[in-house]
């Protein structure tokens, strides 16, 4: 596995970890930690896609990161009960 593959595997691994933790109810889908894991994972995967010049996944992962950032900000601004 080369450098680009390793970076991509780490990013995708973090996204899958967030999904796994959510599906098995270890973290909430609307919790800050879920959004943070998605932001980090998608950003790393986006960088790996940039390194190999694969535009479809650059767009996909950048969008995933941006939507997660927006979700995190929305969650932070939400009034706590």
PDB file of N, CA and C in Angstrom:
ATOM      1  N   UNK A   1       0.860  -1.175   0.000  1.00  0.00           N
ATOM      2  CA  UNK A   1       0.000   0.000   0.000  1.00  0.00           C
ATOM      3  C   UNK A   1       0.901   1.231   0.000  1.00  0.00           C
ATOM      4  N   UNK A   2       0.625   2.151  -0.935  1.00  0.00           N
ATOM      5  CA  UNK A   2       1.448   3.351  -1.013  1.00  0.00           C
ATOM      6  C   UNK A   2       0.896   4.459  -0.106  1.00  0.00           C
ATOM      7  N   UNK A   3       1.556   5.597  -0.110  1.00  0.00           N
ATOM      8  CA  UNK A   3       1.202   6.723   0.760  1.00  0.00           C
ATOM      9  C   UNK A   3      -0.239   7.182   0.529  1.00  0.00           C
ATOM     10  N   UNK A   4      -0.630   7.361  -0.726  1.00  0.00           N
ATOM     11  CA  UNK A   4      -1.978   7.829  -1.055  1.00  0.00           C
ATOM     12  C   UNK A   4      -3.038   6.854  -0.554  1.00  0.00           C
ATOM     13  N   UNK A   5      -2.779   5.562  -0.758  1.00  0.00           N
ATOM     14  CA  UNK A   5      -3.724   4.548  -0.294  1.00  0.00           C
ATOM     15  C   UNK A   5      -3.838   4.554   1.224  1.00  0.00           C
ATOM     16  N   UNK A   6      -2.722   4.723   1.895  1.00  0.00           N
ATOM     17  CA  UNK A   6      -2.734   4.737   3.364  1.00  0.00           C
ATOM     18  C   UNK A   6      -3.536   5.920   3.897  1.00  0.00           C
ATOM     19  N   UNK A   7      -3.327   7.093   3.314  1.00  0.00           N
ATOM     20  CA  UNK A   7      -4.076   8.283   3.726  1.00  0.00           C
ATOM     21  C   UNK A   7      -5.568   8.067   3.481  1.00  0.00           C
ATOM     22  N   UNK A   8      -5.922   7.578   2.314  1.00  0.00           N
ATOM     23  CA  UNK A   8      -7.319   7.316   1.987  1.00  0.00           C
ATOM     24  C   UNK A   8      -7.952   6.291   2.907  1.00  0.00           C
ATOM     25  N   UNK A   9      -7.204   5.238   3.224  1.00  0.00           N
ATOM     26  CA  UNK A   9      -7.722   4.193   4.114  1.00  0.00           C
ATOM     27  C   UNK A   9      -7.987   4.744   5.512  1.00  0.00           C
ATOM     28  N   UNK A  10      -7.135   5.619   5.975  1.00  0.00           N
ATOM     29  CA  UNK A  10      -7.341   6.231   7.294  1.00  0.00           C
ATOM     30  C   UNK A  10      -8.614   7.079   7.274  1.00  0.00           C
ATOM     31  N   UNK A  11      -8.774   7.904   6.251  1.00  0.00           N
ATOM     32  CA  UNK A  11      -9.958   8.753   6.152  1.00  0.00           C
ATOM     33  C   UNK A  11     -11.240   7.947   6.079  1.00  0.00           C
ATOM     34  N   UNK A  12     -11.268   6.976   5.181  1.00  0.00           N
ATOM     35  CA  UNK A  12     -12.456   6.141   5.034  1.00  0.00           C
ATOM     36  C   UNK A  12     -12.687   5.320   6.301  1.00  0.00           C
ATOM     37  N   UNK A  13     -11.620   4.884   6.932  1.00  0.00           N
ATOM     38  CA  UNK A  13     -11.748   4.134   8.191  1.00  0.00           C
ATOM     39  C   UNK A  13     -12.419   4.953   9.279  1.00  0.00           C
ATOM     40  N   UNK A  14     -12.087   6.219   9.355  1.00  0.00           N
ATOM     41  CA  UNK A  14     -12.705   7.095  10.362  1.00  0.00           C
ATOM     42  C   UNK A  14     -14.190   7.290  10.056  1.00  0.00           C
ATOM     43  N   UNK A  15     -14.537   7.470   8.791  1.00  0.00           N
ATOM     44  CA  UNK A  15     -15.943   7.592   8.406  1.00  0.00           C
ATOM     45  C   UNK A  15     -16.700   6.312   8.767  1.00  0.00           C
ATOM     46  N   UNK A  16     -16.121   5.166   8.456  1.00  0.00           N
ATOM     47  CA  UNK A  16     -16.771   3.896   8.771  1.00  0.00           C
ATOM     48  C   UNK A  16     -16.872   3.668  10.275  1.00  0.00           C
ATOM     49  N   UNK A  17     -15.879   4.117  11.021  1.00  0.00           N
ATOM     50  CA  UNK A  17     -15.928   4.025  12.480  1.00  0.00           C
ATOM     51  C   UNK A  17     -17.108   4.831  13.016  1.00  0.00           C
ATOM     52  N   UNK A  18     -17.279   6.046  12.501  1.00  0.00           N
ATOM     53  CA  UNK A  18     -18.412   6.882  12.924  1.00  0.00           C
ATOM     54  C   UNK A  18     -19.727   6.180  12.615  1.00  0.00           C
ATOM     55  N   UNK A  19     -19.827   5.601  11.434  1.00  0.00           N
ATOM     56  CA  UNK A  19     -21.046   4.890  11.037  1.00  0.00           C
ATOM     57  C   UNK A  19     -21.297   3.700  11.955  1.00  0.00           C
ATOM     58  N   UNK A  20     -20.287   2.900  12.205  1.00  0.00           N
ATOM     59  CA  UNK A  20     -20.399   1.738  13.078  1.00  0.00           C
ATOM     60  C   UNK A  20     -20.827   2.150  14.484  1.00  0.00           C
ATOM     61  N   UNK A  21     -20.173   3.165  15.042  1.00  0.00           N
ATOM     62  CA  UNK A  21     -20.504   3.615  16.393  1.00  0.00           C
ATOM     63  C   UNK A  21     -21.937   4.123  16.468  1.00  0.00           C
ATOM     64  N   UNK A  22     -22.397   4.749  15.395  1.00  0.00           N
ATOM     65  CA  UNK A  22     -23.779   5.239  15.354  1.00  0.00           C
ATOM     66  C   UNK A  22     -24.772   4.090  15.231  1.00  0.00           C
ATOM     67  N   UNK A  23     -24.544   3.183  14.313  1.00  0.00           N
ATOM     68  CA  UNK A  23     -25.471   2.076  14.071  1.00  0.00           C
ATOM     69  C   UNK A  23     -25.654   1.222  15.323  1.00  0.00           C
ATOM     70  N   UNK A  24     -24.599   1.020  16.077  1.00  0.00           N
ATOM     71  CA  UNK A  24     -24.683   0.199  17.280  1.00  0.00           C
ATOM     72  C   UNK A  24     -24.909   1.034  18.546  1.00  0.00           C
ATOM     73  N   UNK A  25     -25.350   2.276  18.347  1.00  0.00           N
ATOM     74  CA  UNK A  25     -25.793   3.177  19.424  1.00  0.00           C
ATOM     75  C   UNK A  25     -24.714   3.498  20.460  1.00  0.00           C
ATOM     76  N   UNK A  26     -23.466   3.520  20.026  1.00  0.00           N
ATOM     77  CA  UNK A  26     -22.397   3.967  20.924  1.00  0.00           C
ATOM     78  C   UNK A  26     -22.305   5.494  20.932  1.00  0.00           C
ATOM     79  N   UNK A  27     -22.704   6.104  19.824  1.00  0.00           N
ATOM     80  CA  UNK A  27     -22.769   7.565  19.733  1.00  0.00           C
ATOM     81  C   UNK A  27     -24.066   7.949  19.036  1.00  0.00           C
ATOM     82  N   UNK A  28     -24.510   9.169  19.266  1.00  0.00           N
ATOM     83  CA  UNK A  28     -25.748   9.660  18.647  1.00  0.00           C
ATOM     84  C   UNK A  28     -25.467  10.216  17.260  1.00  0.00           C
ATOM     85  N   UNK A  29     -26.426  10.019  16.352  1.00  0.00           N
ATOM     86  CA  UNK A  29     -26.248  10.537  14.994  1.00  0.00           C
ATOM     87  C   UNK A  29     -26.288  12.052  14.954  1.00  0.00           C
ATOM     88  N   UNK A  30     -26.843  12.679  15.978  1.00  0.00           N
ATOM     89  CA  UNK A  30     -26.869  14.138  16.032  1.00  0.00           C
ATOM     90  C   UNK A  30     -25.935  14.678  17.111  1.00  0.00           C
ATOM     91  N   UNK A  31     -24.987  13.839  17.529  1.00  0.00           N
ATOM     92  CA  UNK A  31     -24.008  14.263  18.533  1.00  0.00           C
ATOM     93  C   UNK A  31     -22.791  14.905  17.895  1.00  0.00           C
ATOM     94  N   UNK A  32     -22.152  15.773  18.636  1.00  0.00           N
ATOM     95  CA  UNK A  32     -20.963  16.468  18.129  1.00  0.00           C
ATOM     96  C   UNK A  32     -19.859  15.501  17.707  1.00  0.00           C
ATOM     97  N   UNK A  33     -19.672  14.426  18.468  1.00  0.00           N
ATOM     98  CA  UNK A  33     -18.592  13.489  18.166  1.00  0.00           C
ATOM     99  C   UNK A  33     -18.801  12.833  16.798  1.00  0.00           C
ATOM    100  N   UNK A  34     -20.038  12.515  16.462  1.00  0.00           N
ATOM    101  CA  UNK A  34     -20.353  11.929  15.155  1.00  0.00           C
ATOM    102  C   UNK A  34     -19.976  12.893  14.034  1.00  0.00           C
ATOM    103  N   UNK A  35     -20.365  14.157  14.195  1.00  0.00           N
ATOM    104  CA  UNK A  35     -20.030  15.155  13.182  1.00  0.00           C
ATOM    105  C   UNK A  35     -18.517  15.346  13.071  1.00  0.00           C
ATOM    106  N   UNK A  36     -17.834  15.383  14.201  1.00  0.00           N
ATOM    107  CA  UNK A  36     -16.385  15.589  14.196  1.00  0.00           C
ATOM    108  C   UNK A  36     -15.673  14.438  13.490  1.00  0.00           C
ATOM    109  N   UNK A  37     -16.084  13.208  13.794  1.00  0.00           N
ATOM    110  CA  UNK A  37     -15.477  12.057  13.116  1.00  0.00           C
ATOM    111  C   UNK A  37     -15.694  12.139  11.605  1.00  0.00           C
ATOM    112  N   UNK A  38     -16.891  12.521  11.186  1.00  0.00           N
ATOM    113  CA  UNK A  38     -17.173  12.650   9.755  1.00  0.00           C
ATOM    114  C   UNK A  38     -16.365  13.770   9.113  1.00  0.00           C
ATOM    115  N   UNK A  39     -16.219  14.883   9.808  1.00  0.00           N
ATOM    116  CA  UNK A  39     -15.418  15.992   9.275  1.00  0.00           C
ATOM    117  C   UNK A  39     -13.970  15.558   9.082  1.00  0.00           C
ATOM    118  N   UNK A  40     -13.400  14.938  10.091  1.00  0.00           N
ATOM    119  CA  UNK A  40     -12.006  14.502  10.019  1.00  0.00           C
ATOM    120  C   UNK A  40     -11.826  13.447   8.932  1.00  0.00           C
ATOM    121  N   UNK A  41     -12.676  12.417   8.962  1.00  0.00           N
ATOM    122  CA  UNK A  41     -12.562  11.331   7.990  1.00  0.00           C
ATOM    123  C   UNK A  41     -12.749  11.801   6.561  1.00  0.00           C
ATOM    124  N   UNK A  42     -13.776  12.604   6.327  1.00  0.00           N
ATOM    125  CA  UNK A  42     -14.043  13.085   4.971  1.00  0.00           C
ATOM    126  C   UNK A  42     -12.939  14.022   4.484  1.00  0.00           C
ATOM    127  N   UNK A  43     -12.405  14.834   5.377  1.00  0.00           N
ATOM    128  CA  UNK A  43     -11.315  15.741   4.993  1.00  0.00           C
ATOM    129  C   UNK A  43     -10.064  14.964   4.606  1.00  0.00           C
ATOM    130  N   UNK A  44      -9.743  13.947   5.364  1.00  0.00           N
ATOM    131  CA  UNK A  44      -8.576  13.119   5.048  1.00  0.00           C
ATOM    132  C   UNK A  44      -8.798  12.368   3.735  1.00  0.00           C
ATOM    133  N   UNK A  45      -9.993  11.800   3.559  1.00  0.00           N
ATOM    134  CA  UNK A  45     -10.300  11.088   2.313  1.00  0.00           C
ATOM    135  C   UNK A  45     -10.292  12.045   1.124  1.00  0.00           C
ATOM    136  N   UNK A  46     -10.756  13.267   1.330  1.00  0.00           N
ATOM    137  CA  UNK A  46     -10.725  14.277   0.274  1.00  0.00           C
ATOM    138  C   UNK A  46      -9.282  14.594  -0.122  1.00  0.00           C
ATOM    139  N   UNK A  47      -8.419  14.728   0.866  1.00  0.00           N
ATOM    140  CA  UNK A  47      -7.006  14.990   0.589  1.00  0.00           C
ATOM    141  C   UNK A  47      -6.390  13.837  -0.199  1.00  0.00           C
ATOM    142  N   UNK A  48      -6.715  12.601   0.197  1.00  0.00           N
ATOM    143  CA  UNK A  48      -6.185  11.444  -0.526  1.00  0.00           C
ATOM    144  C   UNK A  48      -6.685  11.436  -1.971  1.00  0.00           C
ATOM    145  N   UNK A  49      -7.947  11.801  -2.181  1.00  0.00           N
ATOM    146  CA  UNK A  49      -8.496  11.875  -3.537  1.00  0.00           C
ATOM    147  C   UNK A  49      -7.799  12.963  -4.346  1.00  0.00           C
ATOM    148  N   UNK A  50      -7.485  14.071  -3.679  1.00  0.00           N
ATOM    149  CA  UNK A  50      -6.733  15.149  -4.328  1.00  0.00           C
ATOM    150  C   UNK A  50      -5.347  14.654  -4.760  1.00  0.00           C
ATOM    151  N   UNK A  51      -4.708  13.877  -3.906  1.00  0.00           N
ATOM    152  CA  UNK A  51      -3.367  13.376  -4.213  1.00  0.00           C
ATOM    153  C   UNK A  51      -3.353  12.507  -5.459  1.00  0.00           C
ATOM    154  N   UNK A  52      -4.442  11.778  -5.698  1.00  0.00           N
ATOM    155  CA  UNK A  52      -4.491  10.914  -6.884  1.00  0.00           C
ATOM    156  C   UNK A  52      -5.268  11.570  -8.026  1.00  0.00           C
ATOM    157  N   UNK A  53      -5.666  12.837  -7.831  1.00  0.00           N
ATOM    158  CA  UNK A  53      -6.344  13.614  -8.868  1.00  0.00           C
ATOM    159  C   UNK A  53      -7.631  12.940  -9.346  1.00  0.00           C
ATOM    160  N   UNK A  54      -8.440  12.458  -8.392  1.00  0.00           N
ATOM    161  CA  UNK A  54      -9.704  11.811  -8.735  1.00  0.00           C
ATOM    162  C   UNK A  54     -10.857  12.713  -8.327  1.00  0.00           C
ATOM    163  N   UNK A  55     -11.273  13.545  -9.276  1.00  0.00           N
ATOM    164  CA  UNK A  55     -12.241  14.611  -9.029  1.00  0.00           C
ATOM    165  C   UNK A  55     -13.585  14.144  -8.448  1.00  0.00           C
ATOM    166  N   UNK A  56     -14.164  13.028  -8.908  1.00  0.00           N
ATOM    167  CA  UNK A  56     -15.459  12.639  -8.328  1.00  0.00           C
ATOM    168  C   UNK A  56     -15.402  12.461  -6.812  1.00  0.00           C
ATOM    169  N   UNK A  57     -14.348  11.874  -6.311  1.00  0.00           N
ATOM    170  CA  UNK A  57     -14.251  11.672  -4.871  1.00  0.00           C
ATOM    171  C   UNK A  57     -13.784  12.918  -4.139  1.00  0.00           C
ATOM    172  N   UNK A  58     -13.089  13.788  -4.807  1.00  0.00           N
ATOM    173  CA  UNK A  58     -12.774  15.087  -4.198  1.00  0.00           C
ATOM    174  C   UNK A  58     -14.082  15.814  -3.911  1.00  0.00           C
ATOM    175  N   UNK A  59     -14.960  15.835  -4.904  1.00  0.00           N
ATOM    176  CA  UNK A  59     -16.262  16.503  -4.733  1.00  0.00           C
ATOM    177  C   UNK A  59     -17.087  15.798  -3.659  1.00  0.00           C
ATOM    178  N   UNK A  60     -17.157  14.478  -3.708  1.00  0.00           N
ATOM    179  CA  UNK A  60     -17.928  13.712  -2.735  1.00  0.00           C
ATOM    180  C   UNK A  60     -17.453  13.965  -1.313  1.00  0.00           C
ATOM    181  N   UNK A  61     -16.171  13.806  -1.082  1.00  0.00           N
ATOM    182  CA  UNK A  61     -15.639  13.936   0.275  1.00  0.00           C
ATOM    183  C   UNK A  61     -15.650  15.381   0.759  1.00  0.00           C
ATOM    184  N   UNK A  62     -15.426  16.334  -0.132  1.00  0.00           N
ATOM    185  CA  UNK A  62     -15.512  17.741   0.261  1.00  0.00           C
ATOM    186  C   UNK A  62     -16.940  18.084   0.663  1.00  0.00           C
ATOM    187  N   UNK A  63     -17.901  17.591  -0.103  1.00  0.00           N
ATOM    188  CA  UNK A  63     -19.309  17.824   0.227  1.00  0.00           C
ATOM    189  C   UNK A  63     -19.655  17.182   1.561  1.00  0.00           C
ATOM    190  N   UNK A  64     -19.194  15.960   1.778  1.00  0.00           N
ATOM    191  CA  UNK A  64     -19.434  15.247   3.035  1.00  0.00           C
ATOM    192  C   UNK A  64     -18.866  16.051   4.204  1.00  0.00           C
ATOM    193  N   UNK A  65     -17.679  16.569   4.057  1.00  0.00           N
ATOM    194  CA  UNK A  65     -17.054  17.359   5.125  1.00  0.00           C
ATOM    195  C   UNK A  65     -17.817  18.658   5.373  1.00  0.00           C
ATOM    196  N   UNK A  66     -18.210  19.340   4.298  1.00  0.00           N
ATOM    197  CA  UNK A  66     -18.927  20.613   4.446  1.00  0.00           C
ATOM    198  C   UNK A  66     -20.284  20.401   5.104  1.00  0.00           C
ATOM    199  N   UNK A  67     -21.018  19.393   4.672  1.00  0.00           N
ATOM    200  CA  UNK A  67     -22.323  19.100   5.275  1.00  0.00           C
ATOM    201  C   UNK A  67     -22.144  18.739   6.757  1.00  0.00           C
ATOM    202  N   UNK A  68     -21.108  18.000   7.080  1.00  0.00           N
ATOM    203  CA  UNK A  68     -20.847  17.655   8.479  1.00  0.00           C
ATOM    204  C   UNK A  68     -20.484  18.886   9.311  1.00  0.00           C
ATOM    205  N   UNK A  69     -19.732  19.809   8.720  1.00  0.00           N
ATOM    206  CA  UNK A  69     -19.398  21.063   9.410  1.00  0.00           C
ATOM    207  C   UNK A  69     -20.671  21.852   9.678  1.00  0.00           C
ATOM    208  N   UNK A  70     -21.533  21.944   8.678  1.00  0.00           N
ATOM    209  CA  UNK A  70     -22.801  22.649   8.860  1.00  0.00           C
ATOM    210  C   UNK A  70     -23.658  21.973   9.930  1.00  0.00           C
ATOM    211  N   UNK A  71     -23.686  20.655   9.920  1.00  0.00           N
ATOM    212  CA  UNK A  71     -24.427  19.911  10.942  1.00  0.00           C
ATOM    213  C   UNK A  71     -23.878  20.155  12.331  1.00  0.00           C
ATOM    214  N   UNK A  72     -22.556  20.217  12.446  1.00  0.00           N
ATOM    215  CA  UNK A  72     -21.931  20.475  13.741  1.00  0.00           C
ATOM    216  C   UNK A  72     -22.301  21.872  14.240  1.00  0.00           C
ATOM    217  N   UNK A  73     -22.213  22.865  13.363  1.00  0.00           N
ATOM    218  CA  UNK A  73     -22.574  24.232  13.764  1.00  0.00           C
ATOM    219  C   UNK A  73     -24.041  24.324  14.162  1.00  0.00           C
ATOM    220  N   UNK A  74     -24.890  23.683  13.408  1.00  0.00           N
ATOM    221  CA  UNK A  74     -26.327  23.660  13.732  1.00  0.00           C
ATOM    222  C   UNK A  74     -26.544  22.997  15.093  1.00  0.00           C
ATOM    223  N   UNK A  75     -25.828  21.921  15.337  1.00  0.00           N
ATOM    224  CA  UNK A  75     -25.957  21.193  16.597  1.00  0.00           C
ATOM    225  C   UNK A  75     -25.453  22.024  17.777  1.00  0.00           C
ATOM    226  N   UNK A  76     -24.382  22.750  17.566  1.00  0.00           N
ATOM    227  CA  UNK A  76     -23.816  23.582  18.630  1.00  0.00           C
ATOM    228  C   UNK A  76     -24.770  24.732  18.975  1.00  0.00           C
ATOM    229  N   UNK A  77     -25.421  25.295  17.942  1.00  0.00           N
ATOM    230  CA  UNK A  77     -26.338  26.421  18.168  1.00  0.00           C
ATOM    231  C   UNK A  77     -27.690  25.986  18.729  1.00  0.00           C
ATOM    232  N   UNK A  78     -27.999  24.673  18.650  1.00  0.00           N
ATOM    233  CA  UNK A  78     -29.281  24.171  19.117  1.00  0.00           C
ATOM    234  C   UNK A  78     -29.400  24.370  20.625  1.00  0.00           C
ATOM    235  N   UNK A  79     -30.535  24.906  21.083  1.00  0.00           N
ATOM    236  CA  UNK A  79     -30.720  25.090  22.539  1.00  0.00           C
ATOM    237  C   UNK A  79     -30.693  23.734  23.251  1.00  0.00           C
ATOM    238  N   UNK A  80     -29.949  23.673  24.321  1.00  0.00           N
ATOM    239  CA  UNK A  80     -29.849  22.428  25.094  1.00  0.00           C
ATOM    240  C   UNK A  80     -30.976  22.368  26.116  1.00  0.00           C
ATOM    241  N   UNK A  81     -31.656  21.233  26.178  1.00  0.00           N
ATOM    242  CA  UNK A  81     -32.788  21.081  27.109  1.00  0.00           C
ATOM    243  C   UNK A  81     -32.325  20.634  28.475  1.00  0.00           C
TER     244      UNK A  81
END
